[in-house]
Amino acid sequence: ASGETSDVTIRPQTKAEPSIWTQQYAGCGESGEQIFVDPDILGRET
């Protein structure tokens, strides 16, 4: 990688975070910052 910022980050979540979530700081209609996915759910059927 040459300095790219990922759209999706796979990392263990804290107990306060859901297993998959989107970081959003702006209002409706504004793109989010990043999606976070806990690696433990990657095999989940849904």
All heavy atoms as atom14 arrays in JSON, in Angstrom:
{
  "sequence": "ASGETSDVTIRPQTKAEPSIWTQQYAGCGESGEQIFVDPDILGRET",
  "atom14_mask": [
    [1, 1, 1, 1, 1, 0, 0, 0, 0, 0, 0, 0, 0, 0],
    [1, 1, 1, 1, 1, 1, 0, 0, 0, 0, 0, 0, 0, 0],
    [1, 1, 1, 1, 0, 0, 0, 0, 0, 0, 0, 0, 0, 0],
    [1, 1, 1, 1, 1, 1, 1, 1, 1, 0, 0, 0, 0, 0],
    [1, 1, 1, 1, 1, 1, 1, 0, 0, 0, 0, 0, 0, 0],
    [1, 1, 1, 1, 1, 1, 0, 0, 0, 0, 0, 0, 0, 0],
    [1, 1, 1, 1, 1, 1, 1, 1, 0, 0, 0, 0, 0, 0],
    [1, 1, 1, 1, 1, 1, 1, 0, 0, 0, 0, 0, 0, 0],
    [1, 1, 1, 1, 1, 1, 1, 0, 0, 0, 0, 0, 0, 0],
    [1, 1, 1, 1, 1, 1, 1, 1, 0, 0, 0, 0, 0, 0],
    [1, 1, 1, 1, 1, 1, 1, 1, 1, 1, 1, 0, 0, 0],
    [1, 1, 1, 1, 1, 1, 1, 0, 0, 0, 0, 0, 0, 0],
    [1, 1, 1, 1, 1, 1, 1, 1, 1, 0, 0, 0, 0, 0],
    [1, 1, 1, 1, 1, 1, 1, 0, 0, 0, 0, 0, 0, 0],
    [1, 1, 1, 1, 1, 1, 1, 1, 1, 0, 0, 0, 0, 0],
    [1, 1, 1, 1, 1, 0, 0, 0, 0, 0, 0, 0, 0, 0],
    [1, 1, 1, 1, 1, 1, 1, 1, 1, 0, 0, 0, 0, 0],
    [1, 1, 1, 1, 1, 1, 1, 0, 0, 0, 0, 0, 0, 0],
    [1, 1, 1, 1, 1, 1, 0, 0, 0, 0, 0, 0, 0, 0],
    [1, 1, 1, 1, 1, 1, 1, 1, 0, 0, 0, 0, 0, 0],
    [1, 1, 1, 1, 1, 1, 1, 1, 1, 1, 1, 1, 1, 1],
    [1, 1, 1, 1, 1, 1, 1, 0, 0, 0, 0, 0, 0, 0],
    [1, 1, 1, 1, 1, 1, 1, 1, 1, 0, 0, 0, 0, 0],
    [1, 1, 1, 1, 1, 1, 1, 1, 1, 0, 0, 0, 0, 0],
    [1, 1, 1, 1, 1, 1, 1, 1, 1, 1, 1, 1, 0, 0],
    [1, 1, 1, 1, 1, 0, 0, 0, 0, 0, 0, 0, 0, 0],
    [1, 1, 1, 1, 0, 0, 0, 0, 0, 0, 0, 0, 0, 0],
    [1, 1, 1, 1, 1, 1, 0, 0, 0, 0, 0, 0, 0, 0],
    [1, 1, 1, 1, 0, 0, 0, 0, 0, 0, 0, 0, 0, 0],
    [1, 1, 1, 1, 1, 1, 1, 1, 1, 0, 0, 0, 0, 0],
    [1, 1, 1, 1, 1, 1, 0, 0, 0, 0, 0, 0, 0, 0],
    [1, 1, 1, 1, 0, 0, 0, 0, 0, 0, 0, 0, 0, 0],
    [1, 1, 1, 1, 1, 1, 1, 1, 1, 0, 0, 0, 0, 0],
    [1, 1, 1, 1, 1, 1, 1, 1, 1, 0, 0, 0, 0, 0],
    [1, 1, 1, 1, 1, 1, 1, 1, 0, 0, 0, 0, 0, 0],
    [1, 1, 1, 1, 1, 1, 1, 1, 1, 1, 1, 0, 0, 0],
    [1, 1, 1, 1, 1, 1, 1, 0, 0, 0, 0, 0, 0, 0],
    [1, 1, 1, 1, 1, 1, 1, 1, 0, 0, 0, 0, 0, 0],
    [1, 1, 1, 1, 1, 1, 1, 0, 0, 0, 0, 0, 0, 0],
    [1, 1, 1, 1, 1, 1, 1, 1, 0, 0, 0, 0, 0, 0],
    [1, 1, 1, 1, 1, 1, 1, 1, 0, 0, 0, 0, 0, 0],
    [1, 1, 1, 1, 1, 1, 1, 1, 0, 0, 0, 0, 0, 0],
    [1, 1, 1, 1, 0, 0, 0, 0, 0, 0, 0, 0, 0, 0],
    [1, 1, 1, 1, 1, 1, 1, 1, 1, 1, 1, 0, 0, 0],
    [1, 1, 1, 1, 1, 1, 1, 1, 1, 0, 0, 0, 0, 0],
    [1, 1, 1, 1, 1, 1, 1, 0, 0, 0, 0, 0, 0, 0]
  ],
  "atom14_positions": [
    [[0.86, -1.18, 0.0], [0.0, 0.0, 0.0], [0.9, 1.22, 0.0], [1.96, 1.24, 0.6], [-0.9, -0.01, 1.23], [0.0, 0.0, 0.0], [0.0, 0.0, 0.0], [0.0, 0.0, 0.0], [0.0, 0.0, 0.0], [0.0, 0.0, 0.0], [0.0, 0.0, 0.0], [0.0, 0.0, 0.0], [0.0, 0.0, 0.0], [0.0, 0.0, 0.0]],
    [[0.47, 2.25, -0.69], [1.29, 3.46, -0.76], [0.54, 4.63, -0.16], [0.24, 5.6, -0.82], [1.7, 3.73, -2.2], [0.56, 3.8, -3.03], [0.0, 0.0, 0.0], [0.0, 0.0, 0.0], [0.0, 0.0, 0.0], [0.0, 0.0, 0.0], [0.0, 0.0, 0.0], [0.0, 0.0, 0.0], [0.0, 0.0, 0.0], [0.0, 0.0, 0.0]],
    [[0.19, 4.51, 1.12], [-0.44, 5.61, 1.82], [-1.94, 5.69, 1.68], [-2.55, 6.65, 2.13], [0.0, 0.0, 0.0], [0.0, 0.0, 0.0], [0.0, 0.0, 0.0], [0.0, 0.0, 0.0], [0.0, 0.0, 0.0], [0.0, 0.0, 0.0], [0.0, 0.0, 0.0], [0.0, 0.0, 0.0], [0.0, 0.0, 0.0], [0.0, 0.0, 0.0]],
    [[-2.56, 4.69, 1.06], [-4.01, 4.72, 0.91], [-4.69, 4.63, 2.28], [-4.18, 4.01, 3.2], [-4.52, 3.55, 0.06], [-4.07, 3.57, -1.37], [-2.81, 2.74, -1.58], [-2.12, 2.42, -0.62], [-2.53, 2.44, -2.73], [0.0, 0.0, 0.0], [0.0, 0.0, 0.0], [0.0, 0.0, 0.0], [0.0, 0.0, 0.0], [0.0, 0.0, 0.0]],
    [[-5.83, 5.25, 2.35], [-6.68, 5.13, 3.53], [-7.78, 4.15, 3.16], [-8.41, 4.29, 2.11], [-7.29, 6.49, 3.91], [-6.24, 7.42, 4.12], [-8.11, 6.37, 5.17], [0.0, 0.0, 0.0], [0.0, 0.0, 0.0], [0.0, 0.0, 0.0], [0.0, 0.0, 0.0], [0.0, 0.0, 0.0], [0.0, 0.0, 0.0], [0.0, 0.0, 0.0]],
    [[-8.02, 3.2, 4.02], [-9.03, 2.19, 3.69], [-10.44, 2.72, 3.93], [-10.66, 3.57, 4.78], [-8.79, 0.93, 4.53], [-9.01, 1.2, 5.89], [0.0, 0.0, 0.0], [0.0, 0.0, 0.0], [0.0, 0.0, 0.0], [0.0, 0.0, 0.0], [0.0, 0.0, 0.0], [0.0, 0.0, 0.0], [0.0, 0.0, 0.0], [0.0, 0.0, 0.0]],
    [[-11.37, 2.18, 3.17], [-12.79, 2.47, 3.38], [-13.34, 1.54, 4.45], [-14.28, 1.87, 5.15], [-13.57, 2.28, 2.09], [-13.12, 3.23, 1.0], [-12.94, 4.42, 1.3], [-12.94, 2.78, -0.14], [0.0, 0.0, 0.0], [0.0, 0.0, 0.0], [0.0, 0.0, 0.0], [0.0, 0.0, 0.0], [0.0, 0.0, 0.0], [0.0, 0.0, 0.0]],
    [[-12.76, 0.35, 4.53], [-13.18, -0.66, 5.49], [-11.96, -1.1, 6.27], [-10.93, -1.41, 5.68], [-13.82, -1.88, 4.79], [-14.23, -2.93, 5.81], [-14.98, -1.46, 3.92], [0.0, 0.0, 0.0], [0.0, 0.0, 0.0], [0.0, 0.0, 0.0], [0.0, 0.0, 0.0], [0.0, 0.0, 0.0], [0.0, 0.0, 0.0], [0.0, 0.0, 0.0]],
    [[-12.09, -1.12, 7.59], [-11.01, -1.59, 8.44], [-11.48, -2.8, 9.22], [-12.53, -2.77, 9.84], [-10.57, -0.49, 9.44], [-10.06, 0.62, 8.69], [-9.5, -0.99, 10.39], [0.0, 0.0, 0.0], [0.0, 0.0, 0.0], [0.0, 0.0, 0.0], [0.0, 0.0, 0.0], [0.0, 0.0, 0.0], [0.0, 0.0, 0.0], [0.0, 0.0, 0.0]],
    [[-10.71, -3.87, 9.13], [-11.02, -5.08, 9.88], [-10.14, -5.07, 11.12], [-8.92, -5.09, 11.02], [-10.78, -6.33, 9.03], [-11.71, -6.29, 7.83], [-10.98, -7.6, 9.86], [-11.48, -7.38, 6.82], [0.0, 0.0, 0.0], [0.0, 0.0, 0.0], [0.0, 0.0, 0.0], [0.0, 0.0, 0.0], [0.0, 0.0, 0.0], [0.0, 0.0, 0.0]],
    [[-10.79, -5.0, 12.27], [-10.06, -4.96, 13.55], [-10.99, -5.41, 14.65], [-12.2, -5.26, 14.55], [-9.52, -3.58, 13.84], [-10.57, -2.53, 14.15], [-9.93, -1.27, 14.71], [-10.87, -0.18, 14.84], [-11.71, -0.01, 15.85], [-11.77, -0.89, 16.82], [-12.51, 1.03, 15.9], [0.0, 0.0, 0.0], [0.0, 0.0, 0.0], [0.0, 0.0, 0.0]],
    [[-10.43, -5.97, 15.72], [-11.28, -6.36, 16.85], [-11.99, -5.13, 17.43], [-11.4, -4.06, 17.54], [-10.29, -6.94, 17.86], [-9.1, -7.33, 17.05], [-9.04, -6.34, 15.92], [0.0, 0.0, 0.0], [0.0, 0.0, 0.0], [0.0, 0.0, 0.0], [0.0, 0.0, 0.0], [0.0, 0.0, 0.0], [0.0, 0.0, 0.0], [0.0, 0.0, 0.0]],
    [[-13.25, -5.3, 17.73], [-14.04, -4.2, 18.28], [-13.95, -4.19, 19.8], [-13.69, -5.22, 20.42], [-15.51, -4.33, 17.86], [-15.73, -4.5, 16.37], [-15.18, -3.4, 15.51], [-13.98, -3.11, 15.51], [-16.03, -2.77, 14.74], [0.0, 0.0, 0.0], [0.0, 0.0, 0.0], [0.0, 0.0, 0.0], [0.0, 0.0, 0.0], [0.0, 0.0, 0.0]],
    [[-14.19, -3.03, 20.37], [-14.27, -2.94, 21.82], [-15.64, -3.42, 22.26], [-16.55, -3.56, 21.43], [-14.07, -1.48, 22.3], [-15.18, -0.7, 21.84], [-12.77, -0.9, 21.78], [0.0, 0.0, 0.0], [0.0, 0.0, 0.0], [0.0, 0.0, 0.0], [0.0, 0.0, 0.0], [0.0, 0.0, 0.0], [0.0, 0.0, 0.0], [0.0, 0.0, 0.0]],
    [[-15.82, -3.64, 23.54], [-17.12, -4.1, 24.04], [-18.21, -3.08, 23.79], [-19.38, -3.41, 23.69], [-17.02, -4.44, 25.52], [-16.19, -5.65, 25.76], [-16.17, -6.04, 27.21], [-15.23, -7.22, 27.35], [-15.54, -8.11, 28.41], [0.0, 0.0, 0.0], [0.0, 0.0, 0.0], [0.0, 0.0, 0.0], [0.0, 0.0, 0.0], [0.0, 0.0, 0.0]],
    [[-17.85, -1.8, 23.7], [-18.84, -0.74, 23.49], [-19.26, -0.62, 22.02], [-20.26, 0.02, 21.72], [-18.28, 0.59, 23.98], [0.0, 0.0, 0.0], [0.0, 0.0, 0.0], [0.0, 0.0, 0.0], [0.0, 0.0, 0.0], [0.0, 0.0, 0.0], [0.0, 0.0, 0.0], [0.0, 0.0, 0.0], [0.0, 0.0, 0.0], [0.0, 0.0, 0.0]],
    [[-18.5, -1.2, 21.11], [-18.79, -1.08, 19.69], [-19.52, -2.31, 19.17], [-19.27, -3.42, 19.62], [-17.48, -0.93, 18.9], [-16.69, 0.29, 19.22], [-15.31, 0.27, 18.59], [-14.79, -0.82, 18.27], [-14.73, 1.36, 18.46], [0.0, 0.0, 0.0], [0.0, 0.0, 0.0], [0.0, 0.0, 0.0], [0.0, 0.0, 0.0], [0.0, 0.0, 0.0]],
    [[-20.39, -2.1, 18.18], [-21.0, -3.28, 17.53], [-19.95, -4.01, 16.7], [-18.86, -3.47, 16.43], [-22.09, -2.68, 16.65], [-21.83, -1.23, 16.59], [-20.89, -0.86, 17.69], [0.0, 0.0, 0.0], [0.0, 0.0, 0.0], [0.0, 0.0, 0.0], [0.0, 0.0, 0.0], [0.0, 0.0, 0.0], [0.0, 0.0, 0.0], [0.0, 0.0, 0.0]],
    [[-20.26, -5.21, 16.25], [-19.28, -5.99, 15.5], [-19.06, -5.46, 14.08], [-18.05, -5.76, 13.46], [-19.69, -7.46, 15.47], [-21.01, -7.58, 15.01], [0.0, 0.0, 0.0], [0.0, 0.0, 0.0], [0.0, 0.0, 0.0], [0.0, 0.0, 0.0], [0.0, 0.0, 0.0], [0.0, 0.0, 0.0], [0.0, 0.0, 0.0], [0.0, 0.0, 0.0]],
    [[-19.98, -4.68, 13.57], [-19.79, -3.98, 12.29], [-20.5, -2.63, 12.43], [-21.65, -2.58, 12.86], [-20.3, -4.8, 11.08], [-20.05, -4.04, 9.77], [-21.74, -5.2, 11.24], [-20.29, -4.88, 8.51], [0.0, 0.0, 0.0], [0.0, 0.0, 0.0], [0.0, 0.0, 0.0], [0.0, 0.0, 0.0], [0.0, 0.0, 0.0], [0.0, 0.0, 0.0]],
    [[-19.79, -1.56, 12.11], [-20.39, -0.23, 12.25], [-19.69, 0.77, 11.35], [-18.58, 0.54, 10.88], [-20.36, 0.24, 13.69], [-19.0, 0.44, 14.28], [-18.14, -0.53, 14.71], [-18.32, 1.67, 14.5], [-16.98, 0.03, 15.19], [-17.06, 1.39, 15.07], [-18.66, 3.01, 14.27], [-16.14, 2.37, 15.4], [-17.73, 4.0, 14.6], [-16.5, 3.66, 15.16]],
    [[-20.39, 1.88, 11.09], [-19.86, 2.94, 10.23], [-19.63, 4.19, 11.07], [-20.52, 4.62, 11.8], [-20.84, 3.25, 9.09], [-21.05, 2.06, 8.34], [-20.29, 4.34, 8.17], [0.0, 0.0, 0.0], [0.0, 0.0, 0.0], [0.0, 0.0, 0.0], [0.0, 0.0, 0.0], [0.0, 0.0, 0.0], [0.0, 0.0, 0.0], [0.0, 0.0, 0.0]],
    [[-18.45, 4.74, 10.94], [-18.14, 5.99, 11.62], [-18.68, 7.13, 10.77], [-18.31, 7.29, 9.62], [-16.62, 6.1, 11.76], [-16.15, 7.31, 12.51], [-14.66, 7.2, 12.76], [-14.2, 6.29, 13.43], [-13.91, 8.11, 12.19], [0.0, 0.0, 0.0], [0.0, 0.0, 0.0], [0.0, 0.0, 0.0], [0.0, 0.0, 0.0], [0.0, 0.0, 0.0]],
    [[-19.62, 7.89, 11.35], [-20.26, 8.99, 10.64], [-20.22, 10.25, 11.51], [-20.72, 10.23, 12.63], [-21.73, 8.65, 10.34], [-21.91, 7.51, 9.37], [-23.36, 7.13, 9.23], [-23.87, 6.38, 10.04], [-24.01, 7.64, 8.18], [0.0, 0.0, 0.0], [0.0, 0.0, 0.0], [0.0, 0.0, 0.0], [0.0, 0.0, 0.0], [0.0, 0.0, 0.0]],
    [[-19.63, 11.31, 10.98], [-19.58, 12.57, 11.71], [-20.47, 13.63, 11.1], [-20.83, 14.6, 11.73], [-18.15, 13.1, 11.77], [-17.25, 12.28, 12.65], [-16.14, 11.64, 12.13], [-17.53, 12.13, 14.0], [-15.31, 10.9, 12.94], [-16.71, 11.38, 14.81], [-15.6, 10.77, 14.29], [-14.8, 10.02, 15.1], [0.0, 0.0, 0.0], [0.0, 0.0, 0.0]],
    [[-20.83, 13.46, 9.83], [-21.62, 14.48, 9.13], [-23.11, 14.14, 9.23], [-23.49, 13.14, 9.84], [-21.18, 14.56, 7.68], [0.0, 0.0, 0.0], [0.0, 0.0, 0.0], [0.0, 0.0, 0.0], [0.0, 0.0, 0.0], [0.0, 0.0, 0.0], [0.0, 0.0, 0.0], [0.0, 0.0, 0.0], [0.0, 0.0, 0.0], [0.0, 0.0, 0.0]],
    [[-23.93, 14.94, 8.61], [-25.37, 14.75, 8.65], [-25.88, 13.82, 7.58], [-25.1, 13.22, 6.83], [0.0, 0.0, 0.0], [0.0, 0.0, 0.0], [0.0, 0.0, 0.0], [0.0, 0.0, 0.0], [0.0, 0.0, 0.0], [0.0, 0.0, 0.0], [0.0, 0.0, 0.0], [0.0, 0.0, 0.0], [0.0, 0.0, 0.0], [0.0, 0.0, 0.0]],
    [[-27.19, 13.72, 7.49], [-27.83, 12.87, 6.48], [-27.38, 13.3, 5.09], [-27.27, 14.49, 4.79], [-29.34, 12.98, 6.58], [-30.03, 12.21, 8.03], [0.0, 0.0, 0.0], [0.0, 0.0, 0.0], [0.0, 0.0, 0.0], [0.0, 0.0, 0.0], [0.0, 0.0, 0.0], [0.0, 0.0, 0.0], [0.0, 0.0, 0.0], [0.0, 0.0, 0.0]],
    [[-27.12, 12.32, 4.25], [-26.71, 12.59, 2.88], [-25.22, 12.81, 2.72], [-24.73, 12.91, 1.59], [0.0, 0.0, 0.0], [0.0, 0.0, 0.0], [0.0, 0.0, 0.0], [0.0, 0.0, 0.0], [0.0, 0.0, 0.0], [0.0, 0.0, 0.0], [0.0, 0.0, 0.0], [0.0, 0.0, 0.0], [0.0, 0.0, 0.0], [0.0, 0.0, 0.0]],
    [[-24.48, 12.89, 3.81], [-23.03, 13.08, 3.76], [-22.35, 11.73, 4.0], [-22.71, 11.01, 4.92], [-22.57, 14.08, 4.82], [-23.17, 15.46, 4.65], [-22.66, 16.17, 3.42], [-21.49, 15.97, 3.05], [-23.44, 16.92, 2.82], [0.0, 0.0, 0.0], [0.0, 0.0, 0.0], [0.0, 0.0, 0.0], [0.0, 0.0, 0.0], [0.0, 0.0, 0.0]],
    [[-21.36, 11.42, 3.18], [-20.67, 10.14, 3.3], [-20.07, 9.94, 4.68], [-19.67, 10.9, 5.35], [-19.55, 10.05, 2.26], [-20.09, 10.08, 0.98], [0.0, 0.0, 0.0], [0.0, 0.0, 0.0], [0.0, 0.0, 0.0], [0.0, 0.0, 0.0], [0.0, 0.0, 0.0], [0.0, 0.0, 0.0], [0.0, 0.0, 0.0], [0.0, 0.0, 0.0]],
    [[-19.97, 8.68, 5.09], [-19.33, 8.32, 6.34], [-17.82, 8.36, 6.21], [-17.28, 8.56, 5.13], [0.0, 0.0, 0.0], [0.0, 0.0, 0.0], [0.0, 0.0, 0.0], [0.0, 0.0, 0.0], [0.0, 0.0, 0.0], [0.0, 0.0, 0.0], [0.0, 0.0, 0.0], [0.0, 0.0, 0.0], [0.0, 0.0, 0.0], [0.0, 0.0, 0.0]],
    [[-17.15, 8.14, 7.32], [-15.69, 8.17, 7.35], [-15.07, 6.81, 7.02], [-14.1, 6.72, 6.29], [-15.21, 8.6, 8.74], [-15.66, 9.98, 9.15], [-14.91, 11.07, 8.44], [-13.69, 10.93, 8.25], [-15.54, 12.07, 8.07], [0.0, 0.0, 0.0], [0.0, 0.0, 0.0], [0.0, 0.0, 0.0], [0.0, 0.0, 0.0], [0.0, 0.0, 0.0]],
    [[-15.64, 5.76, 7.62], [-15.04, 4.44, 7.48], [-16.0, 3.38, 8.04], [-16.8, 3.67, 8.91], [-13.72, 4.4, 8.24], [-12.81, 3.28, 7.87], [-11.42, 3.48, 8.47], [-11.28, 3.92, 9.6], [-10.4, 3.17, 7.71], [0.0, 0.0, 0.0], [0.0, 0.0, 0.0], [0.0, 0.0, 0.0], [0.0, 0.0, 0.0], [0.0, 0.0, 0.0]],
    [[-15.87, 2.16, 7.54], [-16.62, 1.02, 8.07], [-15.63, 0.18, 8.86], [-14.52, -0.08, 8.4], [-17.24, 0.17, 6.94], [-18.22, 1.0, 6.11], [-17.93, -1.07, 7.51], [-18.7, 0.31, 4.85], [0.0, 0.0, 0.0], [0.0, 0.0, 0.0], [0.0, 0.0, 0.0], [0.0, 0.0, 0.0], [0.0, 0.0, 0.0], [0.0, 0.0, 0.0]],
    [[-16.05, -0.27, 10.05], [-15.23, -1.12, 10.89], [-15.89, -2.48, 11.03], [-17.1, -2.56, 11.28], [-15.02, -0.49, 12.27], [-14.2, 0.75, 12.23], [-14.81, 2.0, 12.15], [-12.82, 0.68, 12.25], [-14.05, 3.16, 12.1], [-12.05, 1.84, 12.21], [-12.66, 3.07, 12.12], [0.0, 0.0, 0.0], [0.0, 0.0, 0.0], [0.0, 0.0, 0.0]],
    [[-15.11, -3.54, 10.87], [-15.63, -4.9, 10.94], [-14.74, -5.71, 11.88], [-13.52, -5.73, 11.74], [-15.64, -5.57, 9.54], [-16.18, -6.99, 9.63], [-16.42, -4.75, 8.54], [0.0, 0.0, 0.0], [0.0, 0.0, 0.0], [0.0, 0.0, 0.0], [0.0, 0.0, 0.0], [0.0, 0.0, 0.0], [0.0, 0.0, 0.0], [0.0, 0.0, 0.0]],
    [[-15.37, -6.4, 12.82], [-14.64, -7.3, 13.7], [-14.33, -8.58, 12.92], [-15.23, -9.16, 12.3], [-15.49, -7.62, 14.93], [-14.72, -8.35, 15.99], [-14.11, -9.4, 15.67], [-14.7, -7.89, 17.14], [0.0, 0.0, 0.0], [0.0, 0.0, 0.0], [0.0, 0.0, 0.0], [0.0, 0.0, 0.0], [0.0, 0.0, 0.0], [0.0, 0.0, 0.0]],
    [[-13.08, -9.04, 12.91], [-12.75, -10.24, 12.13], [-13.51, -11.49, 12.57], [-13.7, -12.41, 11.78], [-11.24, -10.41, 12.34], [-10.91, -9.62, 13.54], [-11.92, -8.52, 13.62], [0.0, 0.0, 0.0], [0.0, 0.0, 0.0], [0.0, 0.0, 0.0], [0.0, 0.0, 0.0], [0.0, 0.0, 0.0], [0.0, 0.0, 0.0], [0.0, 0.0, 0.0]],
    [[-13.99, -11.52, 13.8], [-14.7, -12.69, 14.29], [-16.04, -12.91, 13.59], [-16.6, -14.0, 13.66], [-14.94, -12.58, 15.8], [-13.66, -12.7, 16.6], [-12.65, -13.21, 16.04], [-13.66, -12.29, 17.76], [0.0, 0.0, 0.0], [0.0, 0.0, 0.0], [0.0, 0.0, 0.0], [0.0, 0.0, 0.0], [0.0, 0.0, 0.0], [0.0, 0.0, 0.0]],
    [[-16.58, -11.9, 12.92], [-17.89, -12.06, 12.26], [-17.78, -12.33, 10.77], [-18.79, -12.48, 10.09], [-18.81, -10.85, 12.51], [-18.31, -9.62, 11.75], [-18.98, -10.59, 13.98], [-19.36, -8.53, 11.63], [0.0, 0.0, 0.0], [0.0, 0.0, 0.0], [0.0, 0.0, 0.0], [0.0, 0.0, 0.0], [0.0, 0.0, 0.0], [0.0, 0.0, 0.0]],
    [[-16.58, -12.39, 10.23], [-16.43, -12.54, 8.78], [-17.03, -13.84, 8.25], [-17.43, -13.9, 7.1], [-14.96, -12.42, 8.38], [-14.39, -11.01, 8.55], [-12.91, -11.0, 8.2], [-15.14, -10.0, 7.71], [0.0, 0.0, 0.0], [0.0, 0.0, 0.0], [0.0, 0.0, 0.0], [0.0, 0.0, 0.0], [0.0, 0.0, 0.0], [0.0, 0.0, 0.0]],
    [[-17.12, -14.87, 9.06], [-17.72, -16.12, 8.62], [-19.22, -16.2, 8.86], [-19.85, -17.17, 8.48], [0.0, 0.0, 0.0], [0.0, 0.0, 0.0], [0.0, 0.0, 0.0], [0.0, 0.0, 0.0], [0.0, 0.0, 0.0], [0.0, 0.0, 0.0], [0.0, 0.0, 0.0], [0.0, 0.0, 0.0], [0.0, 0.0, 0.0], [0.0, 0.0, 0.0]],
    [[-19.79, -15.17, 9.45], [-21.22, -15.17, 9.76], [-22.03, -15.19, 8.47], [-21.72, -14.5, 7.51], [-21.55, -13.94, 10.6], [-22.89, -13.98, 11.24], [-23.01, -13.16, 12.48], [-22.77, -11.73, 12.31], [-22.61, -10.91, 13.33], [-22.64, -11.35, 14.57], [-22.41, -9.63, 13.12], [0.0, 0.0, 0.0], [0.0, 0.0, 0.0], [0.0, 0.0, 0.0]],
    [[-23.09, -15.98, 8.46], [-23.9, -16.17, 7.26], [-24.53, -14.88, 6.75], [-24.74, -14.7, 5.55], [-24.98, -17.21, 7.55], [-25.65, -17.74, 6.32], [-26.56, -18.91, 6.64], [-26.08, -19.89, 7.23], [-27.75, -18.82, 6.31], [0.0, 0.0, 0.0], [0.0, 0.0, 0.0], [0.0, 0.0, 0.0], [0.0, 0.0, 0.0], [0.0, 0.0, 0.0]],
    [[-24.84, -13.95, 7.64], [-25.53, -12.71, 7.24], [-24.57, -11.53, 7.07], [-25.02, -10.41, 6.89], [-26.57, -12.33, 8.31], [-25.9, -12.16, 9.56], [-27.66, -13.36, 8.4], [0.0, 0.0, 0.0], [0.0, 0.0, 0.0], [0.0, 0.0, 0.0], [0.0, 0.0, 0.0], [0.0, 0.0, 0.0], [0.0, 0.0, 0.0], [0.0, 0.0, 0.0]]
  ]
}
